[in-house]
Amino acid sequence: MRADSQLRLVVDGIDLGGEYDAIESSTPRAVHVIPTDSGARRQVLGPATFTILISNPSDRLFALVDDGTTVREVKLVADWVNNSITHPTHFHWGWVDRDGVRKMFGSLAPDREREAKWVEEQPVRASNDRTEGN
């Protein structure tokens, strides 16, 4: 994770810069393990995701924690290099750690329409189009 108090946070178009002490963000990838006949395993990287950990968020920012119910557009801006990253994000959990610091965690909101899923197979229909298959 990258910890940086200089990152500016924008949520749903509202600039929340200065309403937290620090942000840690990461873009981890899923790792797929492929078993082989020899017993060895091969690993390949899957798609990147996004996580965000915010330390000492303001009351307004902390109020966005809702067990991941609402999709928020989260943008992190690194003004000093003119870069940003934007993701649909769920804020899942907020807590106070042992040191008394309030924290909140969010991650990439899944696109349920584009997820891999099983569907009922439809019967194949004969086509009257003579160009089909050419």
N, C-alpha and C. Protein backbone atom coordinates (compact mmCIF):
# COMPACT_ATOMS: atom_id res chain seq x y z
N MET A 1 0.84 -1.17 0.00
CA MET A 1 0.00 0.00 0.00
C MET A 1 0.89 1.24 0.00
N ARG A 2 0.40 2.26 -0.63
CA ARG A 2 1.13 3.54 -0.67
C ARG A 2 0.49 4.46 0.36
N ALA A 3 1.28 4.93 1.31
CA ALA A 3 0.79 5.87 2.30
C ALA A 3 1.24 7.27 1.90
N ASP A 4 0.31 8.19 1.83
CA ASP A 4 0.66 9.53 1.40
C ASP A 4 -0.36 10.52 1.91
N SER A 5 0.10 11.47 2.71
CA SER A 5 -0.80 12.50 3.20
C SER A 5 -0.98 13.60 2.17
N GLN A 6 -0.21 13.58 1.07
CA GLN A 6 -0.30 14.61 0.06
C GLN A 6 -1.35 14.29 -1.01
N LEU A 7 -1.84 13.09 -1.03
CA LEU A 7 -2.88 12.76 -2.00
C LEU A 7 -4.16 13.51 -1.65
N ARG A 8 -4.82 14.01 -2.67
CA ARG A 8 -6.09 14.71 -2.48
C ARG A 8 -7.22 13.75 -2.83
N LEU A 9 -8.22 13.66 -1.97
CA LEU A 9 -9.33 12.75 -2.13
C LEU A 9 -10.56 13.51 -2.62
N VAL A 10 -11.17 12.99 -3.70
CA VAL A 10 -12.42 13.55 -4.22
C VAL A 10 -13.42 12.39 -4.25
N VAL A 11 -14.56 12.57 -3.59
CA VAL A 11 -15.59 11.53 -3.54
C VAL A 11 -16.87 12.10 -4.13
N ASP A 12 -17.39 11.44 -5.15
CA ASP A 12 -18.62 11.87 -5.83
C ASP A 12 -18.55 13.35 -6.24
N GLY A 13 -17.37 13.76 -6.69
CA GLY A 13 -17.17 15.12 -7.17
C GLY A 13 -16.92 16.16 -6.09
N ILE A 14 -16.90 15.74 -4.82
CA ILE A 14 -16.66 16.67 -3.71
C ILE A 14 -15.21 16.52 -3.25
N ASP A 15 -14.46 17.61 -3.27
CA ASP A 15 -13.07 17.60 -2.84
C ASP A 15 -13.01 17.51 -1.32
N LEU A 16 -12.47 16.40 -0.81
CA LEU A 16 -12.37 16.17 0.63
C LEU A 16 -10.93 16.29 1.10
N GLY A 17 -10.08 16.94 0.32
CA GLY A 17 -8.70 17.17 0.71
C GLY A 17 -8.66 17.88 2.05
N GLY A 18 -7.78 17.44 2.93
CA GLY A 18 -7.66 18.06 4.24
C GLY A 18 -8.60 17.49 5.28
N GLU A 19 -9.45 16.52 4.90
CA GLU A 19 -10.40 15.94 5.87
C GLU A 19 -9.93 14.57 6.37
N TYR A 20 -8.61 14.37 6.41
CA TYR A 20 -8.02 13.11 6.86
C TYR A 20 -6.54 13.38 7.11
N ASP A 21 -5.90 12.47 7.84
CA ASP A 21 -4.46 12.61 8.08
C ASP A 21 -3.64 11.94 7.00
N ALA A 22 -4.06 10.74 6.57
CA ALA A 22 -3.28 10.00 5.58
C ALA A 22 -4.18 9.05 4.81
N ILE A 23 -3.72 8.73 3.60
CA ILE A 23 -4.40 7.76 2.75
C ILE A 23 -3.38 6.71 2.32
N GLU A 24 -3.77 5.45 2.43
CA GLU A 24 -2.98 4.36 1.86
C GLU A 24 -3.82 3.74 0.76
N SER A 25 -3.27 3.66 -0.43
CA SER A 25 -4.01 3.04 -1.53
C SER A 25 -3.14 1.97 -2.17
N SER A 26 -3.80 1.01 -2.78
CA SER A 26 -3.07 -0.04 -3.50
C SER A 26 -3.93 -0.55 -4.64
N THR A 27 -3.27 -1.15 -5.60
CA THR A 27 -3.95 -1.77 -6.74
C THR A 27 -3.45 -3.21 -6.88
N PRO A 28 -3.79 -4.05 -5.88
CA PRO A 28 -3.34 -5.45 -5.92
C PRO A 28 -4.02 -6.22 -7.05
N ARG A 29 -3.36 -7.26 -7.48
CA ARG A 29 -3.90 -8.13 -8.53
C ARG A 29 -4.29 -9.48 -7.93
N ALA A 30 -5.32 -10.06 -8.49
CA ALA A 30 -5.69 -11.42 -8.13
C ALA A 30 -4.60 -12.36 -8.65
N VAL A 31 -4.30 -13.40 -7.90
CA VAL A 31 -3.32 -14.39 -8.34
C VAL A 31 -4.07 -15.71 -8.54
N HIS A 32 -3.96 -16.25 -9.75
CA HIS A 32 -4.61 -17.53 -10.08
C HIS A 32 -3.54 -18.62 -10.05
N VAL A 33 -3.82 -19.70 -9.31
CA VAL A 33 -2.90 -20.83 -9.21
C VAL A 33 -3.38 -21.92 -10.16
N ILE A 34 -2.48 -22.36 -11.04
CA ILE A 34 -2.81 -23.39 -12.03
C ILE A 34 -2.09 -24.68 -11.64
N PRO A 35 -2.84 -25.73 -11.24
CA PRO A 35 -2.17 -26.99 -10.90
C PRO A 35 -1.73 -27.71 -12.18
N THR A 36 -0.62 -28.43 -12.08
CA THR A 36 -0.12 -29.18 -13.24
C THR A 36 -0.06 -30.66 -12.90
N ASP A 37 0.10 -31.51 -13.93
CA ASP A 37 0.18 -32.96 -13.71
C ASP A 37 1.39 -33.35 -12.87
N SER A 38 2.47 -32.59 -12.94
CA SER A 38 3.69 -32.94 -12.20
C SER A 38 3.59 -32.57 -10.72
N GLY A 39 2.51 -31.92 -10.32
CA GLY A 39 2.35 -31.51 -8.93
C GLY A 39 2.84 -30.09 -8.69
N ALA A 40 3.55 -29.57 -9.67
CA ALA A 40 4.01 -28.17 -9.55
C ALA A 40 2.81 -27.25 -9.77
N ARG A 41 2.95 -26.03 -9.36
CA ARG A 41 1.89 -25.05 -9.57
C ARG A 41 2.46 -23.85 -10.30
N ARG A 42 1.68 -23.33 -11.16
CA ARG A 42 2.06 -22.12 -11.89
C ARG A 42 1.08 -21.03 -11.47
N GLN A 43 1.57 -19.81 -11.39
CA GLN A 43 0.72 -18.70 -10.99
C GLN A 43 0.70 -17.65 -12.10
N VAL A 44 -0.47 -17.11 -12.33
CA VAL A 44 -0.62 -16.02 -13.29
C VAL A 44 -1.40 -14.89 -12.62
N LEU A 45 -1.14 -13.68 -13.07
CA LEU A 45 -1.82 -12.52 -12.49
C LEU A 45 -3.16 -12.27 -13.18
N GLY A 46 -4.14 -11.96 -12.38
CA GLY A 46 -5.45 -11.60 -12.89
C GLY A 46 -5.59 -10.08 -12.90
N PRO A 47 -6.82 -9.61 -12.98
CA PRO A 47 -7.05 -8.16 -13.07
C PRO A 47 -6.69 -7.43 -11.77
N ALA A 48 -6.35 -6.16 -11.93
CA ALA A 48 -6.05 -5.32 -10.77
C ALA A 48 -7.34 -4.89 -10.09
N THR A 49 -7.26 -4.68 -8.81
CA THR A 49 -8.37 -4.15 -8.04
C THR A 49 -7.90 -2.85 -7.39
N PHE A 50 -8.61 -2.35 -6.41
CA PHE A 50 -8.25 -1.08 -5.77
C PHE A 50 -8.69 -1.13 -4.32
N THR A 51 -7.80 -0.72 -3.41
CA THR A 51 -8.17 -0.59 -2.01
C THR A 51 -7.71 0.76 -1.49
N ILE A 52 -8.40 1.26 -0.46
CA ILE A 52 -8.06 2.53 0.14
C ILE A 52 -8.28 2.44 1.64
N LEU A 53 -7.30 2.92 2.40
CA LEU A 53 -7.38 2.98 3.85
C LEU A 53 -7.14 4.44 4.24
N ILE A 54 -8.09 5.03 4.93
CA ILE A 54 -8.02 6.44 5.30
C ILE A 54 -7.87 6.54 6.81
N SER A 55 -6.84 7.27 7.25
CA SER A 55 -6.58 7.47 8.67
C SER A 55 -7.11 8.81 9.13
N ASN A 56 -7.79 8.78 10.26
CA ASN A 56 -8.35 9.96 10.91
C ASN A 56 -9.25 10.78 9.98
N PRO A 57 -10.26 10.13 9.37
CA PRO A 57 -11.18 10.86 8.50
C PRO A 57 -12.08 11.80 9.32
N SER A 58 -12.52 12.88 8.69
CA SER A 58 -13.47 13.79 9.33
C SER A 58 -14.80 13.06 9.55
N ASP A 59 -15.67 13.65 10.34
CA ASP A 59 -17.00 13.07 10.56
C ASP A 59 -17.74 12.93 9.23
N ARG A 60 -17.63 13.94 8.37
CA ARG A 60 -18.32 13.91 7.06
C ARG A 60 -17.81 12.76 6.21
N LEU A 61 -16.50 12.56 6.17
CA LEU A 61 -15.93 11.46 5.39
C LEU A 61 -16.27 10.11 6.00
N PHE A 62 -16.15 9.99 7.33
CA PHE A 62 -16.44 8.73 8.02
C PHE A 62 -17.90 8.32 7.84
N ALA A 63 -18.78 9.27 7.66
CA ALA A 63 -20.21 8.98 7.47
C ALA A 63 -20.48 8.24 6.17
N LEU A 64 -19.50 8.18 5.27
CA LEU A 64 -19.68 7.45 4.00
C LEU A 64 -19.56 5.94 4.18
N VAL A 65 -19.07 5.47 5.33
CA VAL A 65 -18.96 4.03 5.60
C VAL A 65 -20.36 3.46 5.76
N ASP A 66 -20.71 2.49 4.91
CA ASP A 66 -22.06 1.91 4.97
C ASP A 66 -22.07 0.42 4.65
N ASP A 67 -21.04 -0.30 5.08
CA ASP A 67 -20.92 -1.74 4.83
C ASP A 67 -20.88 -2.08 3.34
N GLY A 68 -20.43 -1.13 2.52
CA GLY A 68 -20.30 -1.40 1.09
C GLY A 68 -21.59 -1.36 0.32
N THR A 69 -22.59 -0.69 0.83
CA THR A 69 -23.89 -0.63 0.17
C THR A 69 -23.90 0.33 -1.02
N THR A 70 -23.32 1.50 -0.83
CA THR A 70 -23.37 2.55 -1.85
C THR A 70 -22.09 2.58 -2.67
N VAL A 71 -22.23 2.72 -3.98
CA VAL A 71 -21.07 2.88 -4.86
C VAL A 71 -20.74 4.37 -4.93
N ARG A 72 -19.50 4.70 -4.60
CA ARG A 72 -19.01 6.08 -4.64
C ARG A 72 -17.94 6.20 -5.71
N GLU A 73 -17.91 7.32 -6.42
CA GLU A 73 -16.81 7.56 -7.35
C GLU A 73 -15.68 8.19 -6.55
N VAL A 74 -14.58 7.46 -6.40
CA VAL A 74 -13.44 7.92 -5.62
C VAL A 74 -12.30 8.25 -6.57
N LYS A 75 -11.76 9.44 -6.37
CA LYS A 75 -10.63 9.91 -7.18
C LYS A 75 -9.52 10.34 -6.24
N LEU A 76 -8.33 9.80 -6.45
CA LEU A 76 -7.15 10.23 -5.73
C LEU A 76 -6.32 11.07 -6.69
N VAL A 77 -5.91 12.25 -6.25
CA VAL A 77 -5.19 13.17 -7.11
C VAL A 77 -3.81 13.44 -6.50
N ALA A 78 -2.78 13.24 -7.31
CA ALA A 78 -1.41 13.58 -6.93
C ALA A 78 -1.04 14.82 -7.71
N ASP A 79 -1.35 15.98 -7.15
CA ASP A 79 -1.17 17.24 -7.85
C ASP A 79 0.28 17.51 -8.27
N TRP A 80 1.23 17.04 -7.46
CA TRP A 80 2.63 17.36 -7.74
C TRP A 80 3.16 16.67 -9.00
N VAL A 81 2.49 15.63 -9.48
CA VAL A 81 2.89 14.98 -10.73
C VAL A 81 1.78 14.99 -11.77
N ASN A 82 0.69 15.70 -11.45
CA ASN A 82 -0.44 15.82 -12.36
C ASN A 82 -1.00 14.45 -12.77
N ASN A 83 -1.21 13.56 -11.79
CA ASN A 83 -1.78 12.24 -12.02
C ASN A 83 -2.98 12.03 -11.11
N SER A 84 -3.86 11.15 -11.53
CA SER A 84 -5.00 10.78 -10.68
C SER A 84 -5.42 9.36 -11.03
N ILE A 85 -6.18 8.79 -10.13
CA ILE A 85 -6.77 7.46 -10.34
C ILE A 85 -8.21 7.54 -9.85
N THR A 86 -9.14 7.03 -10.65
CA THR A 86 -10.56 7.09 -10.31
C THR A 86 -11.16 5.69 -10.37
N HIS A 87 -11.92 5.35 -9.34
CA HIS A 87 -12.56 4.02 -9.29
C HIS A 87 -13.92 4.12 -8.60
N PRO A 88 -14.89 3.30 -9.07
CA PRO A 88 -16.11 3.13 -8.27
C PRO A 88 -15.72 2.34 -7.02
N THR A 89 -16.11 2.84 -5.87
CA THR A 89 -15.61 2.28 -4.61
C THR A 89 -16.74 2.10 -3.60
N HIS A 90 -16.64 1.01 -2.83
CA HIS A 90 -17.50 0.78 -1.67
C HIS A 90 -16.68 1.10 -0.42
N PHE A 91 -17.26 1.83 0.53
CA PHE A 91 -16.63 2.01 1.84
C PHE A 91 -17.26 0.98 2.76
N HIS A 92 -16.50 -0.05 3.11
CA HIS A 92 -17.01 -1.21 3.83
C HIS A 92 -17.05 -1.05 5.33
N TRP A 93 -15.96 -0.52 5.91
CA TRP A 93 -15.80 -0.67 7.34
C TRP A 93 -15.07 0.53 7.92
N GLY A 94 -15.50 0.95 9.09
CA GLY A 94 -14.82 1.99 9.84
C GLY A 94 -14.60 1.51 11.26
N TRP A 95 -13.51 1.92 11.89
CA TRP A 95 -13.18 1.48 13.24
C TRP A 95 -12.22 2.46 13.89
N VAL A 96 -11.99 2.27 15.17
CA VAL A 96 -10.98 3.02 15.91
C VAL A 96 -9.93 2.00 16.35
N ASP A 97 -8.66 2.25 15.97
CA ASP A 97 -7.62 1.28 16.30
C ASP A 97 -7.17 1.44 17.75
N ARG A 98 -6.23 0.60 18.19
CA ARG A 98 -5.77 0.60 19.59
C ARG A 98 -5.19 1.93 20.04
N ASP A 99 -4.64 2.67 19.08
CA ASP A 99 -4.04 3.97 19.40
C ASP A 99 -5.07 5.10 19.42
N GLY A 100 -6.34 4.76 19.22
CA GLY A 100 -7.40 5.76 19.23
C GLY A 100 -7.57 6.50 17.92
N VAL A 101 -6.94 5.99 16.85
CA VAL A 101 -7.05 6.64 15.53
C VAL A 101 -8.21 6.02 14.76
N ARG A 102 -9.11 6.87 14.30
CA ARG A 102 -10.24 6.41 13.51
C ARG A 102 -9.75 6.09 12.09
N LYS A 103 -10.24 4.97 11.54
CA LYS A 103 -9.84 4.55 10.19
C LYS A 103 -11.07 4.06 9.44
N MET A 104 -10.95 4.07 8.10
CA MET A 104 -12.00 3.52 7.25
C MET A 104 -11.36 2.84 6.05
N PHE A 105 -12.02 1.78 5.58
CA PHE A 105 -11.50 0.97 4.47
C PHE A 105 -12.52 0.90 3.34
N GLY A 106 -12.02 1.00 2.12
CA GLY A 106 -12.87 0.84 0.95
C GLY A 106 -12.16 0.02 -0.11
N SER A 107 -12.93 -0.50 -1.05
CA SER A 107 -12.34 -1.26 -2.15
C SER A 107 -13.17 -1.07 -3.42
N LEU A 108 -12.58 -1.51 -4.51
CA LEU A 108 -13.22 -1.40 -5.82
C LEU A 108 -14.62 -2.01 -5.78
N ALA A 109 -15.60 -1.27 -6.24
CA ALA A 109 -16.97 -1.79 -6.33
C ALA A 109 -17.06 -2.69 -7.56
N PRO A 110 -17.52 -3.91 -7.41
CA PRO A 110 -17.61 -4.80 -8.56
C PRO A 110 -18.67 -4.36 -9.55
N ASP A 111 -18.42 -4.59 -10.81
CA ASP A 111 -19.40 -4.33 -11.86
C ASP A 111 -20.15 -5.64 -12.07
N ARG A 112 -21.28 -5.79 -11.42
CA ARG A 112 -22.03 -7.05 -11.45
C ARG A 112 -22.46 -7.46 -12.86
N GLU A 113 -22.65 -6.49 -13.75
CA GLU A 113 -23.05 -6.80 -15.13
C GLU A 113 -21.91 -7.45 -15.91
N ARG A 114 -20.67 -7.16 -15.54
CA ARG A 114 -19.52 -7.66 -16.30
C ARG A 114 -18.81 -8.81 -15.62
N GLU A 115 -19.27 -9.21 -14.42
CA GLU A 115 -18.65 -10.33 -13.73
C GLU A 115 -18.89 -11.64 -14.47
N ALA A 116 -17.95 -12.56 -14.32
CA ALA A 116 -18.16 -13.90 -14.87
C ALA A 116 -19.28 -14.56 -14.08
N LYS A 117 -20.24 -15.15 -14.80
CA LYS A 117 -21.35 -15.81 -14.11
C LYS A 117 -21.97 -16.85 -15.03
N TRP A 118 -22.57 -17.84 -14.41
CA TRP A 118 -23.28 -18.88 -15.16
C TRP A 118 -24.64 -18.34 -15.57
N VAL A 119 -25.03 -18.64 -16.80
CA VAL A 119 -26.35 -18.24 -17.29
C VAL A 119 -26.99 -19.45 -17.95
N GLU A 120 -28.30 -19.40 -18.11
CA GLU A 120 -29.01 -20.48 -18.77
C GLU A 120 -28.71 -20.44 -20.26
N GLU A 121 -28.32 -21.57 -20.79
CA GLU A 121 -27.99 -21.69 -22.21
C GLU A 121 -29.27 -21.60 -23.03
N GLN A 122 -29.22 -20.81 -24.08
CA GLN A 122 -30.36 -20.66 -24.97
C GLN A 122 -30.23 -21.63 -26.14
N PRO A 123 -31.34 -22.21 -26.63
CA PRO A 123 -31.25 -23.13 -27.77
C PRO A 123 -30.76 -22.39 -29.02
N VAL A 124 -30.00 -23.12 -29.82
CA VAL A 124 -29.48 -22.56 -31.06
C VAL A 124 -30.60 -22.52 -32.08
N ARG A 125 -30.75 -21.39 -32.76
CA ARG A 125 -31.78 -21.24 -33.78
C ARG A 125 -31.13 -21.30 -35.16
N ALA A 126 -31.85 -21.89 -36.10
CA ALA A 126 -31.38 -21.92 -37.49
C ALA A 126 -31.54 -20.52 -38.07
N SER A 127 -30.59 -20.11 -38.89
CA SER A 127 -30.62 -18.77 -39.47
C SER A 127 -31.03 -18.86 -40.93
N ASN A 128 -31.81 -17.90 -41.37
CA ASN A 128 -32.19 -17.80 -42.77
C ASN A 128 -31.24 -16.90 -43.54
N ASP A 129 -30.28 -16.31 -42.87
CA ASP A 129 -29.34 -15.38 -43.49
C ASP A 129 -28.29 -16.19 -44.23
N ARG A 130 -28.25 -16.04 -45.55
CA ARG A 130 -27.32 -16.82 -46.38
C ARG A 130 -25.86 -16.40 -46.19
N THR A 131 -25.64 -15.21 -45.65
CA THR A 131 -24.27 -14.74 -45.49
C THR A 131 -23.66 -15.17 -44.17
N GLU A 132 -24.46 -15.74 -43.29
CA GLU A 132 -23.93 -16.15 -42.00
C GLU A 132 -22.83 -17.21 -42.19
N GLY A 133 -21.73 -17.01 -41.49
CA GLY A 133 -20.65 -17.98 -41.58
C GLY A 133 -19.67 -17.69 -42.70
N ASN A 134 -19.93 -16.70 -43.51
CA ASN A 134 -18.98 -16.39 -44.61
C ASN A 134 -17.97 -15.38 -44.17
